[in-house]
Amino acid sequence: MTAQHTAQLGTPTREGVLEAAQRIAAILPPTPLLPVEIGGVALWVKAESLQPIGAFKIRGGWNRLSTLPPEEAARGVVGVSSGNHAQGVAWAARRLGIAATIVMPADAPQVKLANVKALGADIVLYDRAGGEDRDAIARALCEARGAALVHAYGDKWIIEGQGSAGIEIAAQLAERGIAGPTRIVAPCGGGGLSAGLALACPEAEIVPVEPEGWDDVRRSLAAGEIVAVGPNPPATACDALQTPATWPINFAVLKERASPGVAVSEAEVRTAQRFAFSTLRLVLEPGGAAALAAALAGKVALDPGTVIVLTGGNVDPAAFAAVLTSQD
């Protein structure tokens, strides 16, 4: 990473989250905060799956690209993503007239690859299963082009943009006469959303949820230092949450604010997808359903001030149909 890119990371703050929330409110309406009952407890879900790109990543993408200095924007941006961050960056880039290239895994869901192409971004594929380093590929592209790196979670503006969801949550609860949130349960990959929510809602407990075997943030919080995903991690349908390790910029926030975190099984994720479809009439991708999975499995405490973030709904139709008809 160049000195320029290192400087771009900065330190995320609550003031930055508030500024990001204003930028995002100027261009996007709030996503719905919907009531739901789980285990006899009435609580809330934040339907980020209903964003224009089908995921919360539009927040960070817009906040990052809309704050780029003109001379940097003119050289374009490079992002790394399994698909949702890619769409957020591509969406923002198209609206702002910025050239965007996204480094994506070759095994990303076809619906995500197709959506990124449709938004006009260039795609550079890498072999995730073969161990290729997506960050190294992105850095090389940035060096060659003078482009700005737009990392999926290791970036001040991305973290602050994702945190805007927490500002919306607090405002929506206040409109209903509810103080809070007391707790926000959120799917976690690299920790950009969890860190942003922690900054946005400093009085709330933040519970990051990861797939089993990919729970590096949970283990990092327990160890007090960053611990990477181990060798040969298990296969997971939660492609959006397959990050090898969080970054220091995220961990610095999470170690002060987040609860130890929770890991969920593939079967628990599928149960959550079916619940969201039958009860909330929402389509969720596996990673987008992880927090809901933890709540349904009884792995997190619930109260009327709890909010569960449903982060994405970009799932291949055939894969989603198979989940709906499975019996586990």
C-alpha atoms as a PDB file:
ATOM      1  CA  MET A   1       0.000   0.000   0.000  1.00  0.00           C
ATOM      2  CA  THR A   2       1.370   3.415  -0.889  1.00  0.00           C
ATOM      3  CA  ALA A   3       1.799   6.237   1.602  1.00  0.00           C
ATOM      4  CA  GLN A   4      -1.101   7.950  -0.129  1.00  0.00           C
ATOM      5  CA  HIS A   5      -3.399   4.977   0.397  1.00  0.00           C
ATOM      6  CA  THR A   6      -2.284   4.595   4.009  1.00  0.00           C
ATOM      7  CA  ALA A   7      -3.125   8.240   4.648  1.00  0.00           C
ATOM      8  CA  GLN A   8      -6.547   7.756   3.125  1.00  0.00           C
ATOM      9  CA  LEU A   9      -7.454   5.255   5.841  1.00  0.00           C
ATOM     10  CA  GLY A  10      -7.423   7.835   8.635  1.00  0.00           C
ATOM     11  CA  THR A  11      -9.315   7.278  11.889  1.00  0.00           C
ATOM     12  CA  PRO A  12     -13.094   6.850  11.770  1.00  0.00           C
ATOM     13  CA  THR A  13     -15.110   8.953  14.224  1.00  0.00           C
ATOM     14  CA  ARG A  14     -18.710   9.419  15.256  1.00  0.00           C
ATOM     15  CA  GLU A  15     -18.593  12.919  13.766  1.00  0.00           C
ATOM     16  CA  GLY A  16     -17.589  11.320  10.479  1.00  0.00           C
ATOM     17  CA  VAL A  17     -20.515   8.913  10.750  1.00  0.00           C
ATOM     18  CA  LEU A  18     -22.924  11.810  11.280  1.00  0.00           C
ATOM     19  CA  GLU A  19     -21.515  13.614   8.234  1.00  0.00           C
ATOM     20  CA  ALA A  20     -21.801  10.416   6.188  1.00  0.00           C
ATOM     21  CA  ALA A  21     -25.424  10.014   7.289  1.00  0.00           C
ATOM     22  CA  GLN A  22     -26.195  13.491   5.948  1.00  0.00           C
ATOM     23  CA  ARG A  23     -24.559  12.713   2.592  1.00  0.00           C
ATOM     24  CA  ILE A  24     -26.449   9.459   2.269  1.00  0.00           C
ATOM     25  CA  ALA A  25     -29.790  10.942   3.374  1.00  0.00           C
ATOM     26  CA  ALA A  26     -29.449  13.473   0.555  1.00  0.00           C
ATOM     27  CA  ILE A  27     -29.462  10.731  -2.061  1.00  0.00           C
ATOM     28  CA  LEU A  28     -31.129   7.649  -0.503  1.00  0.00           C
ATOM     29  CA  PRO A  29     -34.279   7.223   1.614  1.00  0.00           C
ATOM     30  CA  PRO A  30     -33.968   5.311   4.910  1.00  0.00           C
ATOM     31  CA  THR A  31     -34.442   1.558   4.633  1.00  0.00           C
ATOM     32  CA  PRO A  32     -37.423   0.164   6.564  1.00  0.00           C
ATOM     33  CA  LEU A  33     -37.225  -0.722  10.243  1.00  0.00           C
ATOM     34  CA  LEU A  34     -39.671  -3.603  10.548  1.00  0.00           C
ATOM     35  CA  PRO A  35     -41.184  -5.210  13.654  1.00  0.00           C
ATOM     36  CA  VAL A  36     -40.656  -8.924  14.205  1.00  0.00           C
ATOM     37  CA  GLU A  37     -41.236 -11.395  17.038  1.00  0.00           C
ATOM     38  CA  ILE A  38     -38.575 -13.955  17.925  1.00  0.00           C
ATOM     39  CA  GLY A  39     -38.872 -16.286  20.891  1.00  0.00           C
ATOM     40  CA  GLY A  40     -41.790 -14.275  22.254  1.00  0.00           C
ATOM     41  CA  VAL A  41     -39.811 -11.015  22.158  1.00  0.00           C
ATOM     42  CA  ALA A  42     -40.964  -8.124  19.963  1.00  0.00           C
ATOM     43  CA  LEU A  43     -37.962  -6.453  18.350  1.00  0.00           C
ATOM     44  CA  TRP A  44     -36.834  -4.930  15.042  1.00  0.00           C
ATOM     45  CA  VAL A  45     -35.054  -5.714  11.808  1.00  0.00           C
ATOM     46  CA  LYS A  46     -33.330  -3.160   9.570  1.00  0.00           C
ATOM     47  CA  ALA A  47     -33.988  -4.176   5.952  1.00  0.00           C
ATOM     48  CA  GLU A  48     -30.779  -3.112   4.206  1.00  0.00           C
ATOM     49  CA  SER A  49     -31.518  -5.819   1.640  1.00  0.00           C
ATOM     50  CA  LEU A  50     -33.943  -3.292   0.117  1.00  0.00           C
ATOM     51  CA  GLN A  51     -31.234  -0.799  -0.857  1.00  0.00           C
ATOM     52  CA  PRO A  52     -31.013  -0.007  -4.619  1.00  0.00           C
ATOM     53  CA  ILE A  53     -28.124  -2.480  -4.968  1.00  0.00           C
ATOM     54  CA  GLY A  54     -29.693  -4.980  -2.554  1.00  0.00           C
ATOM     55  CA  ALA A  55     -27.144  -4.433   0.234  1.00  0.00           C
ATOM     56  CA  PHE A  56     -25.915  -1.948   2.849  1.00  0.00           C
ATOM     57  CA  LYS A  57     -22.606  -1.554   1.004  1.00  0.00           C
ATOM     58  CA  ILE A  58     -24.074   1.288  -1.034  1.00  0.00           C
ATOM     59  CA  ARG A  59     -23.593   3.468   2.050  1.00  0.00           C
ATOM     60  CA  GLY A  60     -19.827   3.121   2.267  1.00  0.00           C
ATOM     61  CA  GLY A  61     -19.431   3.204  -1.495  1.00  0.00           C
ATOM     62  CA  TRP A  62     -21.246   6.510  -1.806  1.00  0.00           C
ATOM     63  CA  ASN A  63     -19.516   8.075   1.193  1.00  0.00           C
ATOM     64  CA  ARG A  64     -16.060   7.117  -0.088  1.00  0.00           C
ATOM     65  CA  LEU A  65     -16.458   8.143  -3.705  1.00  0.00           C
ATOM     66  CA  SER A  66     -18.441  11.319  -3.059  1.00  0.00           C
ATOM     67  CA  THR A  67     -15.639  12.614  -0.816  1.00  0.00           C
ATOM     68  CA  LEU A  68     -12.763  11.894  -3.215  1.00  0.00           C
ATOM     69  CA  PRO A  69     -10.819  15.020  -4.242  1.00  0.00           C
ATOM     70  CA  PRO A  70     -11.436  15.780  -7.951  1.00  0.00           C
ATOM     71  CA  GLU A  71      -7.850  14.996  -8.940  1.00  0.00           C
ATOM     72  CA  GLU A  72      -8.131  11.509  -7.373  1.00  0.00           C
ATOM     73  CA  ALA A  73     -11.570  10.851  -8.826  1.00  0.00           C
ATOM     74  CA  ALA A  74     -10.210  11.637 -12.285  1.00  0.00           C
ATOM     75  CA  ARG A  75      -7.751   8.717 -11.955  1.00  0.00           C
ATOM     76  CA  GLY A  76     -10.484   6.250 -11.052  1.00  0.00           C
ATOM     77  CA  VAL A  77     -10.931   3.809  -8.194  1.00  0.00           C
ATOM     78  CA  VAL A  78     -10.148   0.156  -7.501  1.00  0.00           C
ATOM     79  CA  GLY A  79     -12.205  -1.933  -5.094  1.00  0.00           C
ATOM     80  CA  VAL A  80     -12.059  -5.471  -3.705  1.00  0.00           C
ATOM     81  CA  SER A  81     -15.278  -7.385  -3.126  1.00  0.00           C
ATOM     82  CA  SER A  82     -17.177 -10.639  -3.427  1.00  0.00           C
ATOM     83  CA  GLY A  83     -20.045  -8.639  -4.866  1.00  0.00           C
ATOM     84  CA  ASN A  84     -21.966  -6.287  -2.584  1.00  0.00           C
ATOM     85  CA  HIS A  85     -19.204  -3.741  -2.007  1.00  0.00           C
ATOM     86  CA  ALA A  86     -18.487  -4.054  -5.729  1.00  0.00           C
ATOM     87  CA  GLN A  87     -22.047  -3.025  -6.509  1.00  0.00           C
ATOM     88  CA  GLY A  88     -21.924  -0.164  -4.016  1.00  0.00           C
ATOM     89  CA  VAL A  89     -18.741   1.211  -5.560  1.00  0.00           C
ATOM     90  CA  ALA A  90     -20.018   0.672  -9.108  1.00  0.00           C
ATOM     91  CA  TRP A  91     -23.337   2.386  -8.324  1.00  0.00           C
ATOM     92  CA  ALA A  92     -21.616   5.408  -6.819  1.00  0.00           C
ATOM     93  CA  ALA A  93     -19.007   5.537  -9.593  1.00  0.00           C
ATOM     94  CA  ARG A  94     -21.660   5.580 -12.309  1.00  0.00           C
ATOM     95  CA  ARG A  95     -23.561   8.427 -10.643  1.00  0.00           C
ATOM     96  CA  LEU A  96     -20.370  10.430 -10.124  1.00  0.00           C
ATOM     97  CA  GLY A  97     -18.763   9.687 -13.488  1.00  0.00           C
ATOM     98  CA  ILE A  98     -15.765   7.881 -11.989  1.00  0.00           C
ATOM     99  CA  ALA A  99     -14.064   4.911 -13.655  1.00  0.00           C
ATOM    100  CA  ALA A 100     -14.222   1.854 -11.365  1.00  0.00           C
ATOM    101  CA  THR A 101     -12.413  -1.489 -11.436  1.00  0.00           C
ATOM    102  CA  ILE A 102     -13.369  -4.199  -8.951  1.00  0.00           C
ATOM    103  CA  VAL A 103     -11.241  -7.198  -7.974  1.00  0.00           C
ATOM    104  CA  MET A 104     -13.751 -10.029  -7.488  1.00  0.00           C
ATOM    105  CA  PRO A 105     -13.453 -13.774  -6.797  1.00  0.00           C
ATOM    106  CA  ALA A 106     -14.085 -16.008  -9.781  1.00  0.00           C
ATOM    107  CA  ASP A 107     -16.558 -18.012  -7.683  1.00  0.00           C
ATOM    108  CA  ALA A 108     -18.689 -15.011  -6.705  1.00  0.00           C
ATOM    109  CA  PRO A 109     -22.441 -15.504  -7.218  1.00  0.00           C
ATOM    110  CA  GLN A 110     -23.349 -14.921 -10.848  1.00  0.00           C
ATOM    111  CA  VAL A 111     -26.047 -12.434  -9.872  1.00  0.00           C
ATOM    112  CA  LYS A 112     -23.411 -10.229  -8.220  1.00  0.00           C
ATOM    113  CA  LEU A 113     -20.992 -10.441 -11.142  1.00  0.00           C
ATOM    114  CA  ALA A 114     -23.804  -9.603 -13.571  1.00  0.00           C
ATOM    115  CA  ASN A 115     -24.999  -6.663 -11.474  1.00  0.00           C
ATOM    116  CA  VAL A 116     -21.511  -5.152 -11.269  1.00  0.00           C
ATOM    117  CA  LYS A 117     -21.087  -5.416 -15.030  1.00  0.00           C
ATOM    118  CA  ALA A 118     -24.512  -3.856 -15.583  1.00  0.00           C
ATOM    119  CA  LEU A 119     -23.481  -0.883 -13.438  1.00  0.00           C
ATOM    120  CA  GLY A 120     -20.544  -0.265 -15.766  1.00  0.00           C
ATOM    121  CA  ALA A 121     -17.550  -1.269 -13.642  1.00  0.00           C
ATOM    122  CA  ASP A 122     -14.645  -3.325 -14.978  1.00  0.00           C
ATOM    123  CA  ILE A 123     -14.025  -6.636 -13.206  1.00  0.00           C
ATOM    124  CA  VAL A 124     -10.694  -8.331 -12.528  1.00  0.00           C
ATOM    125  CA  LEU A 125     -11.222 -11.921 -11.346  1.00  0.00           C
ATOM    126  CA  TYR A 126      -8.991 -13.763  -8.888  1.00  0.00           C
ATOM    127  CA  ASP A 127      -8.849 -17.338  -7.597  1.00  0.00           C
ATOM    128  CA  ARG A 128     -10.068 -17.194  -4.000  1.00  0.00           C
ATOM    129  CA  ALA A 129      -9.890 -20.974  -3.550  1.00  0.00           C
ATOM    130  CA  GLY A 130      -6.345 -21.017  -4.898  1.00  0.00           C
ATOM    131  CA  GLY A 131      -5.166 -18.489  -2.334  1.00  0.00           C
ATOM    132  CA  GLU A 132      -4.614 -15.458  -4.561  1.00  0.00           C
ATOM    133  CA  ASP A 133      -4.333 -12.240  -2.551  1.00  0.00           C
ATOM    134  CA  ARG A 134      -7.040  -9.843  -3.674  1.00  0.00           C
ATOM    135  CA  ASP A 135      -5.525  -6.949  -1.750  1.00  0.00           C
ATOM    136  CA  ALA A 136      -2.169  -7.428  -3.484  1.00  0.00           C
ATOM    137  CA  ILE A 137      -3.904  -7.442  -6.875  1.00  0.00           C
ATOM    138  CA  ALA A 138      -5.785  -4.260  -6.003  1.00  0.00           C
ATOM    139  CA  ARG A 139      -2.640  -2.502  -4.772  1.00  0.00           C
ATOM    140  CA  ALA A 140      -0.829  -3.382  -8.009  1.00  0.00           C
ATOM    141  CA  LEU A 141      -3.687  -1.934 -10.063  1.00  0.00           C
ATOM    142  CA  CYS A 142      -3.662   1.241  -7.966  1.00  0.00           C
ATOM    143  CA  GLU A 143       0.089   1.641  -8.407  1.00  0.00           C
ATOM    144  CA  ALA A 144      -0.121   1.130 -12.156  1.00  0.00           C
ATOM    145  CA  ARG A 145      -2.991   3.559 -12.664  1.00  0.00           C
ATOM    146  CA  GLY A 146      -2.606   6.055  -9.846  1.00  0.00           C
ATOM    147  CA  ALA A 147      -6.115   5.033  -8.816  1.00  0.00           C
ATOM    148  CA  ALA A 148      -7.579   5.335  -5.317  1.00  0.00           C
ATOM    149  CA  LEU A 149      -8.090   2.133  -3.357  1.00  0.00           C
ATOM    150  CA  VAL A 150     -11.636   1.690  -2.059  1.00  0.00           C
ATOM    151  CA  HIS A 151     -11.282  -1.173   0.353  1.00  0.00           C
ATOM    152  CA  ALA A 152     -14.361  -3.130   1.382  1.00  0.00           C
ATOM    153  CA  TYR A 153     -13.866  -2.506   5.120  1.00  0.00           C
ATOM    154  CA  GLY A 154     -10.355  -1.176   5.885  1.00  0.00           C
ATOM    155  CA  ASP A 155     -11.146   2.466   5.123  1.00  0.00           C
ATOM    156  CA  LYS A 156     -12.248   5.407   7.298  1.00  0.00           C
ATOM    157  CA  TRP A 157     -14.902   6.645   4.863  1.00  0.00           C
ATOM    158  CA  ILE A 158     -16.281   3.165   4.264  1.00  0.00           C
ATOM    159  CA  ILE A 159     -16.644   2.522   8.004  1.00  0.00           C
ATOM    160  CA  GLU A 160     -18.310   5.881   8.559  1.00  0.00           C
ATOM    161  CA  GLY A 161     -20.634   5.335   5.608  1.00  0.00           C
ATOM    162  CA  GLN A 162     -21.751   1.940   6.901  1.00  0.00           C
ATOM    163  CA  GLY A 163     -22.315   3.482  10.312  1.00  0.00           C
ATOM    164  CA  SER A 164     -25.000   5.721   8.818  1.00  0.00           C
ATOM    165  CA  ALA A 165     -27.343   2.740   9.168  1.00  0.00           C
ATOM    166  CA  GLY A 166     -27.021   3.132  12.929  1.00  0.00           C
ATOM    167  CA  ILE A 167     -27.969   6.814  12.753  1.00  0.00           C
ATOM    168  CA  GLU A 168     -31.101   5.818  10.823  1.00  0.00           C
ATOM    169  CA  ILE A 169     -31.917   3.074  13.315  1.00  0.00           C
ATOM    170  CA  ALA A 170     -31.734   5.458  16.286  1.00  0.00           C
ATOM    171  CA  ALA A 171     -33.909   8.029  14.517  1.00  0.00           C
ATOM    172  CA  GLN A 172     -36.487   5.434  13.460  1.00  0.00           C
ATOM    173  CA  LEU A 173     -36.755   4.055  16.994  1.00  0.00           C
ATOM    174  CA  ALA A 174     -37.085   7.582  18.396  1.00  0.00           C
ATOM    175  CA  GLU A 175     -39.967   8.234  16.002  1.00  0.00           C
ATOM    176  CA  ARG A 176     -41.705   5.275  17.652  1.00  0.00           C
ATOM    177  CA  GLY A 177     -41.004   6.580  21.140  1.00  0.00           C
ATOM    178  CA  ILE A 178     -38.331   3.963  21.846  1.00  0.00           C
ATOM    179  CA  ALA A 179     -35.017   4.855  23.439  1.00  0.00           C
ATOM    180  CA  GLY A 180     -32.206   2.915  21.927  1.00  0.00           C
ATOM    181  CA  PRO A 181     -31.146   0.789  20.280  1.00  0.00           C
ATOM    182  CA  THR A 182     -29.988  -1.284  23.227  1.00  0.00           C
ATOM    183  CA  ARG A 183     -28.350  -3.880  20.978  1.00  0.00           C
ATOM    184  CA  ILE A 184     -27.549  -4.190  17.273  1.00  0.00           C
ATOM    185  CA  VAL A 185     -26.859  -7.635  15.862  1.00  0.00           C
ATOM    186  CA  ALA A 186     -25.099  -7.499  12.490  1.00  0.00           C
ATOM    187  CA  PRO A 187     -23.450  -9.873  10.019  1.00  0.00           C
ATOM    188  CA  CYS A 188     -19.693  -9.395  10.067  1.00  0.00           C
ATOM    189  CA  GLY A 189     -17.038  -9.998   7.434  1.00  0.00           C
ATOM    190  CA  GLY A 190     -14.144  -7.600   7.804  1.00  0.00           C
ATOM    191  CA  GLY A 191     -15.854  -5.507  10.459  1.00  0.00           C
ATOM    192  CA  GLY A 192     -16.650  -2.327   8.538  1.00  0.00           C
ATOM    193  CA  LEU A 193     -20.359  -2.378   9.390  1.00  0.00           C
ATOM    194  CA  SER A 194     -19.871  -3.469  13.005  1.00  0.00           C
ATOM    195  CA  ALA A 195     -17.265  -0.746  13.578  1.00  0.00           C
ATOM    196  CA  GLY A 196     -19.467   1.886  11.953  1.00  0.00           C
ATOM    197  CA  LEU A 197     -22.466   0.856  14.060  1.00  0.00           C
ATOM    198  CA  ALA A 198     -20.331   0.998  17.204  1.00  0.00           C
ATOM    199  CA  LEU A 199     -19.399   4.594  16.403  1.00  0.00           C
ATOM    200  CA  ALA A 200     -22.956   5.521  15.440  1.00  0.00           C
ATOM    201  CA  CYS A 201     -24.632   4.055  18.526  1.00  0.00           C
ATOM    202  CA  PRO A 202     -22.123   4.267  21.390  1.00  0.00           C
ATOM    203  CA  GLU A 203     -24.675   3.218  24.039  1.00  0.00           C
ATOM    204  CA  ALA A 204     -25.732   0.047  22.208  1.00  0.00           C
ATOM    205  CA  GLU A 205     -24.181  -3.391  22.480  1.00  0.00           C
ATOM    206  CA  ILE A 206     -22.806  -4.378  19.070  1.00  0.00           C
ATOM    207  CA  VAL A 207     -22.895  -8.105  18.307  1.00  0.00           C
ATOM    208  CA  PRO A 208     -20.933  -9.192  15.189  1.00  0.00           C
ATOM    209  CA  VAL A 209     -22.067 -12.488  13.663  1.00  0.00           C
ATOM    210  CA  GLU A 210     -19.886 -14.630  11.372  1.00  0.00           C
ATOM    211  CA  PRO A 211     -20.107 -18.068   9.738  1.00  0.00           C
ATOM    212  CA  GLU A 212     -18.527 -20.962  11.596  1.00  0.00           C
ATOM    213  CA  GLY A 213     -14.890 -21.370  10.559  1.00  0.00           C
ATOM    214  CA  TRP A 214     -14.768 -17.776   9.315  1.00  0.00           C
ATOM    215  CA  ASP A 215     -15.231 -16.219  12.757  1.00  0.00           C
ATOM    216  CA  ASP A 216     -11.886 -14.439  12.876  1.00  0.00           C
ATOM    217  CA  VAL A 217     -13.381 -11.266  14.364  1.00  0.00           C
ATOM    218  CA  ARG A 218     -14.972 -13.265  17.197  1.00  0.00           C
ATOM    219  CA  ARG A 219     -11.672 -14.992  17.914  1.00  0.00           C
ATOM    220  CA  SER A 220      -9.731 -11.736  17.583  1.00  0.00           C
ATOM    221  CA  LEU A 221     -11.946 -10.046  20.158  1.00  0.00           C
ATOM    222  CA  ALA A 222     -11.464 -12.993  22.514  1.00  0.00           C
ATOM    223  CA  ALA A 223      -7.682 -12.939  22.030  1.00  0.00           C
ATOM    224  CA  GLY A 224      -7.295  -9.175  22.231  1.00  0.00           C
ATOM    225  CA  GLU A 225      -5.373  -9.122  18.948  1.00  0.00           C
ATOM    226  CA  ILE A 226      -6.096  -9.747  15.289  1.00  0.00           C
ATOM    227  CA  VAL A 227      -6.332 -13.457  14.506  1.00  0.00           C
ATOM    228  CA  ALA A 228      -6.688 -14.529  10.872  1.00  0.00           C
ATOM    229  CA  VAL A 229      -8.930 -17.271   9.560  1.00  0.00           C
ATOM    230  CA  GLY A 230      -7.080 -20.558   9.841  1.00  0.00           C
ATOM    231  CA  PRO A 231      -5.816 -22.682   6.956  1.00  0.00           C
ATOM    232  CA  ASN A 232      -8.414 -24.587   4.928  1.00  0.00           C
ATOM    233  CA  PRO A 233     -11.517 -22.916   6.365  1.00  0.00           C
ATOM    234  CA  PRO A 234     -14.798 -24.735   5.708  1.00  0.00           C
ATOM    235  CA  ALA A 235     -16.970 -24.006   2.701  1.00  0.00           C
ATOM    236  CA  THR A 236     -19.694 -21.483   3.399  1.00  0.00           C
ATOM    237  CA  ALA A 237     -22.614 -20.098   1.445  1.00  0.00           C
ATOM    238  CA  CYS A 238     -21.945 -16.742   3.130  1.00  0.00           C
ATOM    239  CA  ASP A 239     -19.696 -15.440   0.354  1.00  0.00           C
ATOM    240  CA  ALA A 240     -20.098 -11.858   1.590  1.00  0.00           C
ATOM    241  CA  LEU A 241     -18.518 -12.803   4.948  1.00  0.00           C
ATOM    242  CA  GLN A 242     -15.439 -14.657   3.714  1.00  0.00           C
ATOM    243  CA  THR A 243     -12.708 -12.283   4.814  1.00  0.00           C
ATOM    244  CA  PRO A 244      -9.324 -13.685   5.908  1.00  0.00           C
ATOM    245  CA  ALA A 245      -8.804 -11.146   8.710  1.00  0.00           C
ATOM    246  CA  THR A 246     -10.056  -7.815   9.946  1.00  0.00           C
ATOM    247  CA  TRP A 247      -7.813  -4.756   9.640  1.00  0.00           C
ATOM    248  CA  PRO A 248      -6.316  -2.672  12.483  1.00  0.00           C
ATOM    249  CA  ILE A 249      -8.579   0.287  11.642  1.00  0.00           C
ATOM    250  CA  ASN A 250     -11.647  -1.881  12.293  1.00  0.00           C
ATOM    251  CA  PHE A 251     -10.243  -3.789  15.244  1.00  0.00           C
ATOM    252  CA  ALA A 252      -9.276  -0.583  17.044  1.00  0.00           C
ATOM    253  CA  VAL A 253     -12.981   0.304  17.224  1.00  0.00           C
ATOM    254  CA  LEU A 254     -14.328  -3.200  17.806  1.00  0.00           C
ATOM    255  CA  LYS A 255     -12.014  -4.153  20.667  1.00  0.00           C
ATOM    256  CA  GLU A 256     -13.323  -1.175  22.648  1.00  0.00           C
ATOM    257  CA  ARG A 257     -16.992  -1.500  21.789  1.00  0.00           C
ATOM    258  CA  ALA A 258     -18.153  -4.866  20.442  1.00  0.00           C
ATOM    259  CA  SER A 259     -19.353  -7.887  22.363  1.00  0.00           C
ATOM    260  CA  PRO A 260     -17.354 -11.114  21.906  1.00  0.00           C
ATOM    261  CA  GLY A 261     -19.334 -12.031  18.796  1.00  0.00           C
ATOM    262  CA  VAL A 262     -21.183 -15.121  17.613  1.00  0.00           C
ATOM    263  CA  ALA A 263     -20.642 -17.833  14.999  1.00  0.00           C
ATOM    264  CA  VAL A 264     -23.544 -19.473  13.145  1.00  0.00           C
ATOM    265  CA  SER A 265     -23.807 -22.722  11.187  1.00  0.00           C
ATOM    266  CA  GLU A 266     -24.822 -23.121   7.566  1.00  0.00           C
ATOM    267  CA  ALA A 267     -28.073 -24.799   8.655  1.00  0.00           C
ATOM    268  CA  GLU A 268     -28.880 -21.888  10.989  1.00  0.00           C
ATOM    269  CA  VAL A 269     -28.328 -19.459   8.132  1.00  0.00           C
ATOM    270  CA  ARG A 270     -30.697 -21.397   5.883  1.00  0.00           C
ATOM    271  CA  THR A 271     -33.317 -21.400   8.643  1.00  0.00           C
ATOM    272  CA  ALA A 272     -33.000 -17.616   8.828  1.00  0.00           C
ATOM    273  CA  GLN A 273     -33.390 -17.235   5.069  1.00  0.00           C
ATOM    274  CA  ARG A 274     -36.600 -19.245   5.176  1.00  0.00           C
ATOM    275  CA  PHE A 275     -37.881 -17.280   8.175  1.00  0.00           C
ATOM    276  CA  ALA A 276     -37.241 -13.945   6.449  1.00  0.00           C
ATOM    277  CA  PHE A 277     -39.056 -15.119   3.326  1.00  0.00           C
ATOM    278  CA  SER A 278     -42.088 -16.583   5.098  1.00  0.00           C
ATOM    279  CA  THR A 279     -42.440 -14.060   7.943  1.00  0.00           C
ATOM    280  CA  LEU A 280     -41.002 -10.800   6.592  1.00  0.00           C
ATOM    281  CA  ARG A 281     -41.539 -11.447   2.856  1.00  0.00           C
ATOM    282  CA  LEU A 282     -37.866 -10.644   2.272  1.00  0.00           C
ATOM    283  CA  VAL A 283     -35.249 -12.384   0.132  1.00  0.00           C
ATOM    284  CA  LEU A 284     -31.911 -12.612   1.963  1.00  0.00           C
ATOM    285  CA  GLU A 285     -28.601 -13.941   0.749  1.00  0.00           C
ATOM    286  CA  PRO A 286     -26.826 -16.252   3.197  1.00  0.00           C
ATOM    287  CA  GLY A 287     -24.424 -13.632   4.550  1.00  0.00           C
ATOM    288  CA  GLY A 288     -27.258 -11.130   4.852  1.00  0.00           C
ATOM    289  CA  ALA A 289     -29.174 -13.539   7.086  1.00  0.00           C
ATOM    290  CA  ALA A 290     -26.350 -14.330   9.540  1.00  0.00           C
ATOM    291  CA  ALA A 291     -27.460 -11.963  12.313  1.00  0.00           C
ATOM    292  CA  LEU A 292     -31.038 -13.176  12.050  1.00  0.00           C
ATOM    293  CA  ALA A 293     -29.709 -16.735  12.239  1.00  0.00           C
ATOM    294  CA  ALA A 294     -27.992 -15.983  15.553  1.00  0.00           C
ATOM    295  CA  ALA A 295     -31.184 -14.521  16.991  1.00  0.00           C
ATOM    296  CA  LEU A 296     -33.367 -17.424  15.853  1.00  0.00           C
ATOM    297  CA  ALA A 297     -30.854 -19.935  17.235  1.00  0.00           C
ATOM    298  CA  GLY A 298     -30.937 -18.308  20.668  1.00  0.00           C
ATOM    299  CA  LYS A 299     -27.282 -17.274  20.492  1.00  0.00           C
ATOM    300  CA  VAL A 300     -27.855 -13.610  21.398  1.00  0.00           C
ATOM    301  CA  ALA A 301     -29.913 -11.921  24.091  1.00  0.00           C
ATOM    302  CA  LEU A 302     -33.025 -10.178  22.784  1.00  0.00           C
ATOM    303  CA  ASP A 303     -35.108  -7.307  24.145  1.00  0.00           C
ATOM    304  CA  PRO A 304     -37.505  -4.711  22.678  1.00  0.00           C
ATOM    305  CA  GLY A 305     -34.576  -2.405  21.870  1.00  0.00           C
ATOM    306  CA  THR A 306     -32.721  -5.036  19.847  1.00  0.00           C
ATOM    307  CA  VAL A 307     -32.250  -4.394  16.124  1.00  0.00           C
ATOM    308  CA  ILE A 308     -31.105  -7.115  13.719  1.00  0.00           C
ATOM    309  CA  VAL A 309     -29.503  -5.886  10.502  1.00  0.00           C
ATOM    310  CA  LEU A 310     -30.463  -7.779   7.336  1.00  0.00           C
ATOM    311  CA  THR A 311     -27.524  -6.749   5.216  1.00  0.00           C
ATOM    312  CA  GLY A 312     -28.110  -8.132   1.721  1.00  0.00           C
ATOM    313  CA  GLY A 313     -30.429  -9.926  -0.669  1.00  0.00           C
ATOM    314  CA  ASN A 314     -28.243 -10.682  -3.691  1.00  0.00           C
ATOM    315  CA  VAL A 315     -28.629 -14.432  -4.065  1.00  0.00           C
ATOM    316  CA  ASP A 316     -28.743 -16.579  -7.192  1.00  0.00           C
ATOM    317  CA  PRO A 317     -32.377 -17.657  -7.805  1.00  0.00           C
ATOM    318  CA  ALA A 318     -31.575 -21.364  -8.045  1.00  0.00           C
ATOM    319  CA  ALA A 319     -29.581 -21.311  -4.818  1.00  0.00           C
ATOM    320  CA  PHE A 320     -32.370 -19.478  -3.013  1.00  0.00           C
ATOM    321  CA  ALA A 321     -35.008 -21.881  -4.319  1.00  0.00           C
ATOM    322  CA  ALA A 322     -32.938 -24.784  -3.023  1.00  0.00           C
ATOM    323  CA  VAL A 323     -32.805 -23.202   0.439  1.00  0.00           C
ATOM    324  CA  LEU A 324     -36.575 -22.697   0.499  1.00  0.00           C
ATOM    325  CA  THR A 325     -37.236 -26.332  -0.359  1.00  0.00           C
ATOM    326  CA  SER A 326     -34.573 -27.885   1.889  1.00  0.00           C
ATOM    327  CA  GLN A 327     -35.663 -29.650   5.074  1.00  0.00           C
ATOM    328  CA  ASP A 328     -32.785 -28.931   7.483  1.00  0.00           C
END
